[in-house]
N, C-alpha and C. Protein backbone atom coordinates (compact mmCIF):
# COMPACT_ATOMS: atom_id res chain seq x y z
N MET A 1 1.32 6.47 3.80
CA MET A 1 1.98 5.96 4.77
C MET A 1 1.80 4.53 5.01
N ASN A 2 2.43 3.48 4.26
CA ASN A 2 1.96 2.10 4.94
C ASN A 2 3.28 1.40 6.07
N ILE A 3 2.62 1.72 7.48
CA ILE A 3 3.20 0.80 8.04
C ILE A 3 2.75 -0.28 8.86
N THR A 4 3.48 -1.31 9.24
CA THR A 4 2.98 -2.49 9.48
C THR A 4 4.09 -3.18 10.52
N LEU A 5 3.34 -3.82 11.52
CA LEU A 5 4.15 -4.54 12.52
C LEU A 5 4.24 -5.84 12.19
N LYS A 6 5.80 -6.32 11.86
CA LYS A 6 6.14 -7.79 11.64
C LYS A 6 6.48 -8.52 12.72
N GLU A 7 6.57 -9.70 12.85
CA GLU A 7 7.02 -10.69 13.70
C GLU A 7 8.76 -10.51 13.11
N ILE A 8 9.26 -10.48 14.38
CA ILE A 8 10.57 -10.84 14.10
C ILE A 8 11.16 -12.08 14.12
N THR A 9 11.92 -12.38 12.58
CA THR A 9 12.75 -13.73 12.58
C THR A 9 13.97 -13.61 12.71
N SER A 10 14.62 -15.03 12.41
CA SER A 10 16.01 -15.26 12.44
C SER A 10 16.54 -14.36 11.42
N GLU A 11 15.84 -14.13 10.32
CA GLU A 11 16.58 -13.39 9.27
C GLU A 11 16.45 -11.95 9.47
N THR A 12 15.71 -11.48 10.45
CA THR A 12 15.65 -9.96 10.38
C THR A 12 15.92 -9.25 11.84
N VAL A 13 16.36 -10.37 12.90
CA VAL A 13 16.84 -10.02 14.28
C VAL A 13 17.89 -9.09 14.31
N LEU A 14 19.23 -9.58 13.43
CA LEU A 14 20.32 -8.54 13.61
C LEU A 14 19.99 -7.39 12.82
N ASP A 15 19.12 -7.12 11.97
CA ASP A 15 18.87 -5.92 11.31
C ASP A 15 17.88 -5.03 12.62
N VAL A 16 17.33 -5.26 13.28
CA VAL A 16 16.45 -4.81 14.46
C VAL A 16 17.37 -4.52 15.40
N ILE A 17 18.20 -5.05 16.00
CA ILE A 17 19.39 -4.94 17.09
C ILE A 17 19.99 -3.96 16.48
N ASN A 18 20.49 -3.74 15.09
CA ASN A 18 21.20 -2.73 14.53
C ASN A 18 20.44 -0.96 14.27
N LEU A 19 19.33 -1.04 14.67
CA LEU A 19 18.45 0.00 14.60
C LEU A 19 19.07 0.87 15.73
N SER A 20 19.14 2.25 15.68
CA SER A 20 19.65 2.86 16.81
C SER A 20 19.10 4.33 16.62
N VAL A 21 18.69 5.26 17.81
CA VAL A 21 18.38 6.43 17.98
C VAL A 21 19.75 7.38 18.02
N LEU A 22 19.23 8.61 18.04
CA LEU A 22 20.34 9.63 18.54
C LEU A 22 21.04 9.26 19.66
N PRO A 23 22.37 9.75 19.68
CA PRO A 23 22.95 9.66 20.81
C PRO A 23 22.34 10.05 22.12
N GLU A 24 21.77 11.46 21.91
CA GLU A 24 21.04 12.15 22.83
C GLU A 24 19.88 11.69 23.11
N GLN A 25 19.31 10.78 22.63
CA GLN A 25 18.20 9.97 22.88
C GLN A 25 18.37 8.57 23.66
N GLN A 26 19.59 8.31 23.69
CA GLN A 26 19.87 6.96 24.31
C GLN A 26 19.24 6.77 25.63
N ALA A 27 19.08 7.66 26.44
CA ALA A 27 18.74 7.93 27.72
C ALA A 27 17.57 7.33 27.96
N PHE A 28 16.48 7.67 26.57
CA PHE A 28 15.04 7.38 26.96
C PHE A 28 14.95 5.99 26.50
N VAL A 29 15.51 5.13 25.63
CA VAL A 29 15.00 4.30 25.19
C VAL A 29 16.21 3.16 25.43
N ALA A 30 15.89 1.72 25.83
CA ALA A 30 17.15 0.45 25.99
C ALA A 30 17.32 0.41 24.36
N PRO A 31 18.37 0.11 24.16
CA PRO A 31 18.73 -0.69 22.90
C PRO A 31 17.76 -1.91 23.05
N ASN A 32 17.56 -2.03 21.36
CA ASN A 32 16.73 -3.16 21.01
C ASN A 32 17.23 -4.60 21.43
N ALA A 33 18.30 -5.01 21.48
CA ALA A 33 18.90 -6.21 22.11
C ALA A 33 18.53 -6.28 23.43
N THR A 34 18.53 -5.26 24.21
CA THR A 34 18.37 -5.62 25.58
C THR A 34 16.61 -5.89 25.57
N SER A 35 15.91 -5.31 25.02
CA SER A 35 14.44 -5.35 24.79
C SER A 35 14.37 -6.69 24.60
N LEU A 36 14.88 -7.38 23.57
CA LEU A 36 14.51 -8.52 22.94
C LEU A 36 14.99 -9.66 24.03
N ALA A 37 16.21 -9.23 24.85
CA ALA A 37 16.58 -10.10 25.53
C ALA A 37 15.42 -10.40 26.60
N GLU A 38 15.20 -8.99 27.48
CA GLU A 38 13.89 -8.99 28.32
C GLU A 38 12.69 -9.90 27.65
N ALA A 39 12.36 -9.78 26.71
CA ALA A 39 10.94 -10.36 26.07
C ALA A 39 11.32 -12.18 25.93
N LEU A 40 12.55 -12.65 26.30
CA LEU A 40 12.62 -13.86 26.19
C LEU A 40 12.29 -14.71 27.55
N PHE A 41 12.37 -13.61 28.72
CA PHE A 41 11.91 -14.25 29.66
C PHE A 41 11.03 -13.26 30.66
N SER A 42 9.83 -12.90 29.90
CA SER A 42 8.58 -12.21 29.86
C SER A 42 7.73 -12.85 29.12
N GLU A 43 6.67 -13.66 30.12
CA GLU A 43 5.68 -14.05 29.06
C GLU A 43 4.48 -12.94 28.83
N GLU A 44 4.68 -11.79 29.14
CA GLU A 44 3.72 -11.00 29.01
C GLU A 44 4.06 -9.70 27.51
N ALA A 45 5.39 -10.08 27.24
CA ALA A 45 6.18 -9.11 26.22
C ALA A 45 5.41 -9.98 25.01
N TRP A 46 4.87 -8.67 23.98
CA TRP A 46 4.45 -9.15 22.35
C TRP A 46 5.40 -7.78 21.87
N TYR A 47 6.08 -8.39 20.67
CA TYR A 47 6.88 -7.56 20.10
C TYR A 47 7.06 -7.50 18.58
N ARG A 48 7.37 -6.66 18.10
CA ARG A 48 7.36 -6.80 16.82
C ARG A 48 8.26 -5.58 15.77
N ALA A 49 8.90 -5.60 14.80
CA ALA A 49 9.54 -4.99 14.05
C ALA A 49 8.47 -3.98 13.25
N VAL A 50 9.12 -2.74 13.18
CA VAL A 50 8.16 -1.69 12.50
C VAL A 50 8.81 -1.50 10.94
N TYR A 51 7.99 -1.80 9.88
CA TYR A 51 8.07 -1.46 8.53
C TYR A 51 7.21 -0.02 8.03
N SER A 52 8.24 0.63 7.29
CA SER A 52 7.48 1.60 6.46
C SER A 52 7.65 1.02 4.81
N GLY A 53 6.38 0.28 4.49
CA GLY A 53 6.65 -0.08 3.29
C GLY A 53 7.32 -1.41 3.51
N GLU A 54 8.57 -2.00 2.81
CA GLU A 54 9.42 -2.97 2.80
C GLU A 54 10.68 -2.47 3.48
N THR A 55 10.56 -1.27 4.47
CA THR A 55 12.00 -0.74 5.18
C THR A 55 11.75 -1.07 6.49
N LEU A 56 12.52 -1.64 7.14
CA LEU A 56 12.61 -1.85 8.74
C LEU A 56 13.04 -0.35 9.21
N VAL A 57 12.27 -0.05 10.09
CA VAL A 57 12.73 1.42 10.66
C VAL A 57 12.46 1.45 12.25
N GLY A 58 11.96 0.53 12.74
CA GLY A 58 11.67 0.51 14.39
C GLY A 58 11.27 -0.74 14.95
N PHE A 59 11.15 -0.31 15.97
CA PHE A 59 10.54 -1.92 17.16
C PHE A 59 9.84 -1.46 18.05
N VAL A 60 9.05 -2.38 18.48
CA VAL A 60 8.08 -1.82 19.59
C VAL A 60 7.86 -3.00 20.24
N MET A 61 7.45 -2.90 21.59
CA MET A 61 7.30 -4.06 22.29
C MET A 61 6.26 -3.44 23.45
N VAL A 62 5.29 -4.61 23.65
CA VAL A 62 3.94 -4.32 24.29
C VAL A 62 4.25 -5.13 25.98
N TYR A 63 3.56 -4.68 26.94
CA TYR A 63 3.62 -5.81 28.01
C TYR A 63 2.29 -5.80 28.22
N ASP A 64 1.73 -7.00 28.23
CA ASP A 64 0.37 -7.34 28.14
C ASP A 64 0.03 -8.43 28.86
N GLU A 65 -0.65 -8.18 30.35
CA GLU A 65 -0.53 -9.06 31.36
C GLU A 65 -1.71 -10.28 30.85
N SER A 66 -2.54 -9.98 29.72
CA SER A 66 -3.73 -10.85 29.23
C SER A 66 -2.95 -12.56 28.94
N GLN A 67 -1.72 -12.01 28.34
CA GLN A 67 -0.76 -13.28 27.87
C GLN A 67 -0.31 -14.34 28.70
N ARG A 68 0.00 -14.02 30.57
CA ARG A 68 -0.03 -14.75 31.18
C ARG A 68 -0.66 -16.16 31.22
N LYS A 69 -0.13 -17.14 31.59
CA LYS A 69 -0.66 -18.42 31.41
C LYS A 69 -1.74 -18.46 32.58
N ASP A 70 -1.54 -17.52 33.68
CA ASP A 70 -2.69 -17.08 34.45
C ASP A 70 -3.17 -15.87 34.67
N PRO A 71 -3.95 -15.33 33.93
CA PRO A 71 -3.85 -13.56 33.80
C PRO A 71 -4.87 -13.26 35.21
N PRO A 72 -4.17 -12.11 35.29
CA PRO A 72 -5.18 -11.53 36.34
C PRO A 72 -6.98 -11.25 35.77
N GLU A 73 -7.46 -11.04 36.72
CA GLU A 73 -8.72 -10.77 36.49
C GLU A 73 -8.94 -9.42 35.72
N LYS A 74 -8.29 -8.36 36.05
CA LYS A 74 -8.35 -7.11 35.37
C LYS A 74 -6.95 -6.82 35.08
N PRO A 75 -6.53 -7.58 33.81
CA PRO A 75 -4.97 -7.19 33.60
C PRO A 75 -4.68 -6.01 32.80
N ASN A 76 -3.53 -5.79 32.81
CA ASN A 76 -2.84 -4.43 32.60
C ASN A 76 -2.64 -4.51 31.05
N ILE A 77 -2.15 -3.13 30.16
CA ILE A 77 -1.52 -3.52 28.75
C ILE A 77 -0.34 -1.85 28.87
N GLY A 78 0.43 -2.19 28.51
CA GLY A 78 1.04 -0.93 28.38
C GLY A 78 2.27 -1.21 27.10
N LEU A 79 2.82 0.33 26.73
CA LEU A 79 3.36 0.32 25.49
C LEU A 79 4.83 0.40 26.46
N TRP A 80 5.68 -1.13 26.51
CA TRP A 80 6.67 -1.10 26.98
C TRP A 80 8.13 -0.40 26.18
N ARG A 81 7.99 -0.43 24.90
CA ARG A 81 8.93 0.11 24.32
C ARG A 81 8.74 0.38 22.84
N LEU A 82 9.35 1.86 22.48
CA LEU A 82 8.84 2.19 21.24
C LEU A 82 10.09 2.91 20.60
N MET A 83 10.76 2.40 19.60
CA MET A 83 12.38 2.71 19.18
C MET A 83 11.60 2.84 17.44
N ILE A 84 12.04 4.38 17.29
CA ILE A 84 12.01 4.28 15.73
C ILE A 84 13.48 4.92 15.44
N ASP A 85 13.99 4.04 14.00
CA ASP A 85 15.62 4.69 14.31
C ASP A 85 15.91 5.92 13.66
N HIS A 86 16.76 6.48 14.03
CA HIS A 86 17.02 8.11 14.05
C HIS A 86 17.18 8.76 12.44
N ARG A 87 17.17 7.62 11.47
CA ARG A 87 16.96 7.88 10.01
C ARG A 87 15.80 7.97 9.79
N PHE A 88 14.46 7.37 10.38
CA PHE A 88 13.44 7.68 10.19
C PHE A 88 11.94 8.43 11.26
N GLN A 89 13.06 9.44 11.66
CA GLN A 89 12.13 9.94 13.13
C GLN A 89 11.51 11.19 12.08
N ARG A 90 10.66 11.80 13.05
CA ARG A 90 9.72 12.96 12.41
C ARG A 90 9.18 12.88 11.06
N ARG A 91 8.50 11.66 10.96
CA ARG A 91 8.02 11.40 9.77
C ARG A 91 6.17 10.61 10.05
N GLY A 92 6.06 10.95 11.38
CA GLY A 92 4.58 10.23 11.86
C GLY A 92 4.68 8.74 12.06
N ILE A 93 5.72 8.27 11.82
CA ILE A 93 5.85 6.86 12.09
C ILE A 93 5.52 6.36 13.60
N GLY A 94 5.98 6.90 14.53
CA GLY A 94 6.10 6.41 15.88
C GLY A 94 4.54 6.88 15.88
N ARG A 95 3.96 8.06 15.55
CA ARG A 95 2.61 8.24 15.52
C ARG A 95 1.44 6.99 15.42
N GLU A 96 1.85 6.60 14.06
CA GLU A 96 1.05 5.66 13.54
C GLU A 96 1.23 4.29 14.25
N VAL A 97 2.40 4.28 14.71
CA VAL A 97 2.78 2.76 15.58
C VAL A 97 1.68 2.92 16.94
N VAL A 98 1.88 4.10 17.54
CA VAL A 98 1.00 4.02 18.88
C VAL A 98 -0.64 3.96 18.35
N ARG A 99 -0.79 4.51 17.46
CA ARG A 99 -2.49 4.39 16.90
C ARG A 99 -2.47 2.63 16.82
N GLN A 100 -1.74 2.12 16.27
CA GLN A 100 -1.90 0.51 15.74
C GLN A 100 -2.13 -0.21 17.26
N ILE A 101 -1.27 0.17 18.27
CA ILE A 101 -0.99 -0.61 19.45
C ILE A 101 -2.25 -0.46 20.20
N ILE A 102 -2.80 0.92 20.04
CA ILE A 102 -4.11 1.21 20.83
C ILE A 102 -5.15 0.46 20.16
N GLU A 103 -5.10 0.79 18.90
CA GLU A 103 -6.18 -0.40 18.16
C GLU A 103 -5.77 -1.94 18.78
N TYR A 104 -4.64 -2.33 18.66
CA TYR A 104 -4.56 -3.79 19.22
C TYR A 104 -5.09 -4.04 20.39
N ALA A 105 -4.67 -3.06 21.48
CA ALA A 105 -5.31 -3.31 22.70
C ALA A 105 -6.69 -2.83 23.03
N LYS A 106 -7.16 -2.35 22.33
CA LYS A 106 -8.87 -2.26 22.44
C LYS A 106 -9.54 -3.64 21.68
N SER A 107 -8.75 -4.08 20.71
CA SER A 107 -9.33 -5.37 20.10
C SER A 107 -9.12 -6.46 20.91
N ARG A 108 -8.53 -6.44 21.94
CA ARG A 108 -8.31 -7.61 22.80
C ARG A 108 -9.64 -7.58 23.89
N ASN A 109 -10.14 -6.44 23.99
CA ASN A 109 -11.47 -6.30 24.69
C ASN A 109 -11.26 -6.54 26.19
N LYS A 110 -10.06 -6.44 26.87
CA LYS A 110 -9.88 -6.70 28.23
C LYS A 110 -9.33 -5.57 28.92
N PHE A 111 -9.19 -4.35 28.42
CA PHE A 111 -8.44 -3.35 29.24
C PHE A 111 -9.21 -2.06 29.08
N THR A 112 -9.14 -0.88 29.78
CA THR A 112 -9.79 0.18 29.69
C THR A 112 -8.79 1.43 29.20
N ALA A 113 -7.55 0.92 29.49
CA ALA A 113 -6.57 1.85 29.00
C ALA A 113 -5.19 1.31 28.75
N LEU A 114 -4.19 1.99 28.11
CA LEU A 114 -2.82 1.61 27.49
C LEU A 114 -2.02 2.57 28.45
N PHE A 115 -1.14 2.10 29.17
CA PHE A 115 -0.02 2.97 29.80
C PHE A 115 1.16 2.75 29.09
N THR A 116 1.86 3.96 29.53
CA THR A 116 3.56 3.98 29.13
C THR A 116 3.98 4.66 30.22
N SER A 117 5.31 5.02 29.88
CA SER A 117 6.26 6.04 30.63
C SER A 117 7.26 6.65 29.76
N TYR A 118 7.75 7.57 30.79
CA TYR A 118 8.89 8.22 29.99
C TYR A 118 9.76 8.80 30.72
N VAL A 119 11.09 9.36 30.80
CA VAL A 119 11.95 9.95 31.52
C VAL A 119 11.61 11.57 31.31
N PRO A 120 11.20 12.05 32.30
CA PRO A 120 10.97 13.62 31.90
C PRO A 120 11.96 14.50 31.88
N ASP A 121 12.51 14.87 30.73
CA ASP A 121 13.36 15.50 29.89
C ASP A 121 13.21 16.39 28.96
N PRO A 122 13.85 17.64 29.22
CA PRO A 122 13.20 18.64 27.75
C PRO A 122 13.42 17.89 26.40
N LEU A 123 14.59 17.01 26.33
CA LEU A 123 14.62 16.07 25.33
C LEU A 123 14.04 14.91 24.90
N GLY A 124 13.37 14.73 25.97
CA GLY A 124 12.70 13.23 26.26
C GLY A 124 11.28 13.13 25.34
N PRO A 125 10.43 11.98 25.43
CA PRO A 125 9.12 12.10 24.78
C PRO A 125 7.74 12.35 25.20
N GLU A 126 8.28 13.21 26.23
CA GLU A 126 6.86 13.71 26.96
C GLU A 126 5.68 14.40 26.09
N ALA A 127 6.21 15.50 25.14
CA ALA A 127 5.52 15.99 24.47
C ALA A 127 4.35 15.19 23.08
N PHE A 128 5.21 14.02 22.75
CA PHE A 128 4.85 13.14 22.18
C PHE A 128 3.64 12.47 22.65
N TYR A 129 4.06 11.83 23.71
CA TYR A 129 2.82 11.03 24.48
C TYR A 129 1.40 11.95 24.46
N LEU A 130 1.92 13.36 24.93
CA LEU A 130 0.93 14.00 25.57
C LEU A 130 0.06 14.68 24.20
N SER A 131 0.71 14.79 23.27
CA SER A 131 0.08 15.01 22.06
C SER A 131 -0.96 13.90 21.49
N LEU A 132 -0.69 12.46 21.75
CA LEU A 132 -1.39 11.30 21.37
C LEU A 132 -2.54 11.25 22.15
N GLY A 133 -2.70 12.05 23.45
CA GLY A 133 -3.88 11.62 24.23
C GLY A 133 -3.89 11.06 25.85
N PHE A 134 -2.32 10.59 25.61
CA PHE A 134 -2.03 10.15 27.29
C PHE A 134 -2.01 11.04 28.02
N ILE A 135 -2.47 10.85 29.35
CA ILE A 135 -2.67 11.69 30.53
C ILE A 135 -1.82 11.02 31.65
N PRO A 136 -0.81 12.04 32.26
CA PRO A 136 -0.33 11.87 33.47
C PRO A 136 -1.08 11.22 34.36
N ASN A 137 -0.79 10.21 35.11
CA ASN A 137 -2.02 9.59 36.41
C ASN A 137 -1.07 10.05 37.67
N GLY A 138 0.02 10.91 37.78
CA GLY A 138 0.59 11.35 38.95
C GLY A 138 1.58 10.06 39.76
N GLU A 139 1.69 9.37 38.91
CA GLU A 139 2.46 8.13 39.64
C GLU A 139 4.02 8.36 38.66
N VAL A 140 5.23 7.93 39.55
CA VAL A 140 6.51 8.04 39.12
C VAL A 140 7.19 6.70 39.48
N GLU A 141 7.54 5.91 38.26
CA GLU A 141 8.26 4.85 38.77
C GLU A 141 9.64 4.59 38.01
N ASP A 142 10.31 4.36 39.12
CA ASP A 142 11.98 4.13 38.76
C ASP A 142 12.39 5.56 38.02
N GLY A 143 11.83 6.66 38.36
CA GLY A 143 12.12 7.84 37.67
C GLY A 143 11.51 8.42 36.51
N GLU A 144 10.50 7.53 36.30
CA GLU A 144 9.88 7.46 34.82
C GLU A 144 8.03 8.02 35.14
N THR A 145 7.89 8.89 34.55
CA THR A 145 6.47 9.37 34.51
C THR A 145 5.50 8.48 33.81
N ILE A 146 4.31 7.90 34.77
CA ILE A 146 3.12 7.31 34.11
C ILE A 146 2.34 7.86 33.36
N VAL A 147 1.81 7.44 32.13
CA VAL A 147 0.83 8.04 31.42
C VAL A 147 0.02 7.10 30.80
N LEU A 148 -1.49 7.39 30.87
CA LEU A 148 -2.71 6.59 30.39
C LEU A 148 -2.93 7.14 29.46
N PHE A 149 -3.25 6.46 28.20
CA PHE A 149 -4.62 6.46 27.09
C PHE A 149 -5.90 5.70 27.50
N HIS A 150 -7.21 6.36 28.06
CA HIS A 150 -8.02 5.93 28.29
C HIS A 150 -8.81 5.55 26.86
N PHE A 151 -9.27 4.37 26.77
CA PHE A 151 -10.13 3.83 25.76
C PHE A 151 -11.56 4.46 25.71
N ASP A 152 -12.16 4.87 24.65
CA ASP A 152 -13.54 5.42 24.58
C ASP A 152 -14.40 4.37 24.99
N GLU A 153 -14.60 3.08 23.98
CA GLU A 153 -15.46 2.13 24.82
C GLU A 153 -14.65 1.23 25.66
N LYS A 154 -15.11 1.11 27.03
CA LYS A 154 -14.53 0.50 28.17
C LYS A 154 -14.68 -0.89 27.80
N ALA A 155 -13.54 -1.81 28.06
CA ALA A 155 -13.58 -3.31 28.21
C ALA A 155 -14.76 -4.11 28.92
N ASP A 156 -15.13 -5.14 28.69
CA ASP A 156 -16.26 -5.54 29.65
C ASP A 156 -15.47 -6.35 30.46
């Protein structure tokens, strides 16, 4: 499986916006149009289209405080959005994207963990994140459970 993260261009933005999850999953991830609008006003946003080979299959957005003009001494990084189109789910694509985001975060050498959150619901992504090694930190924000993936090698 050849999964790549590519910059979104004027030629691909509408295709990214038109990706969708199943109706019963819509409560768990914002539409890509909303995510792209939020990214316009966030200096922490790093976002990419997800491709399997040459096929557009999803969208990912990272919250990276080290991108600020005046970053904090100990910046945080989080998986802000992960969206795989309903036609391409259950093929290991989401797992590979998270693996690549973990590698991206580790390569920045500024972080000790990657955070994300999810809506606790039987249909939600809790089992997915826990199976990848994320651990709940006991916090809940806006009704979402916060989980952390701790890196083996601590950032300096």
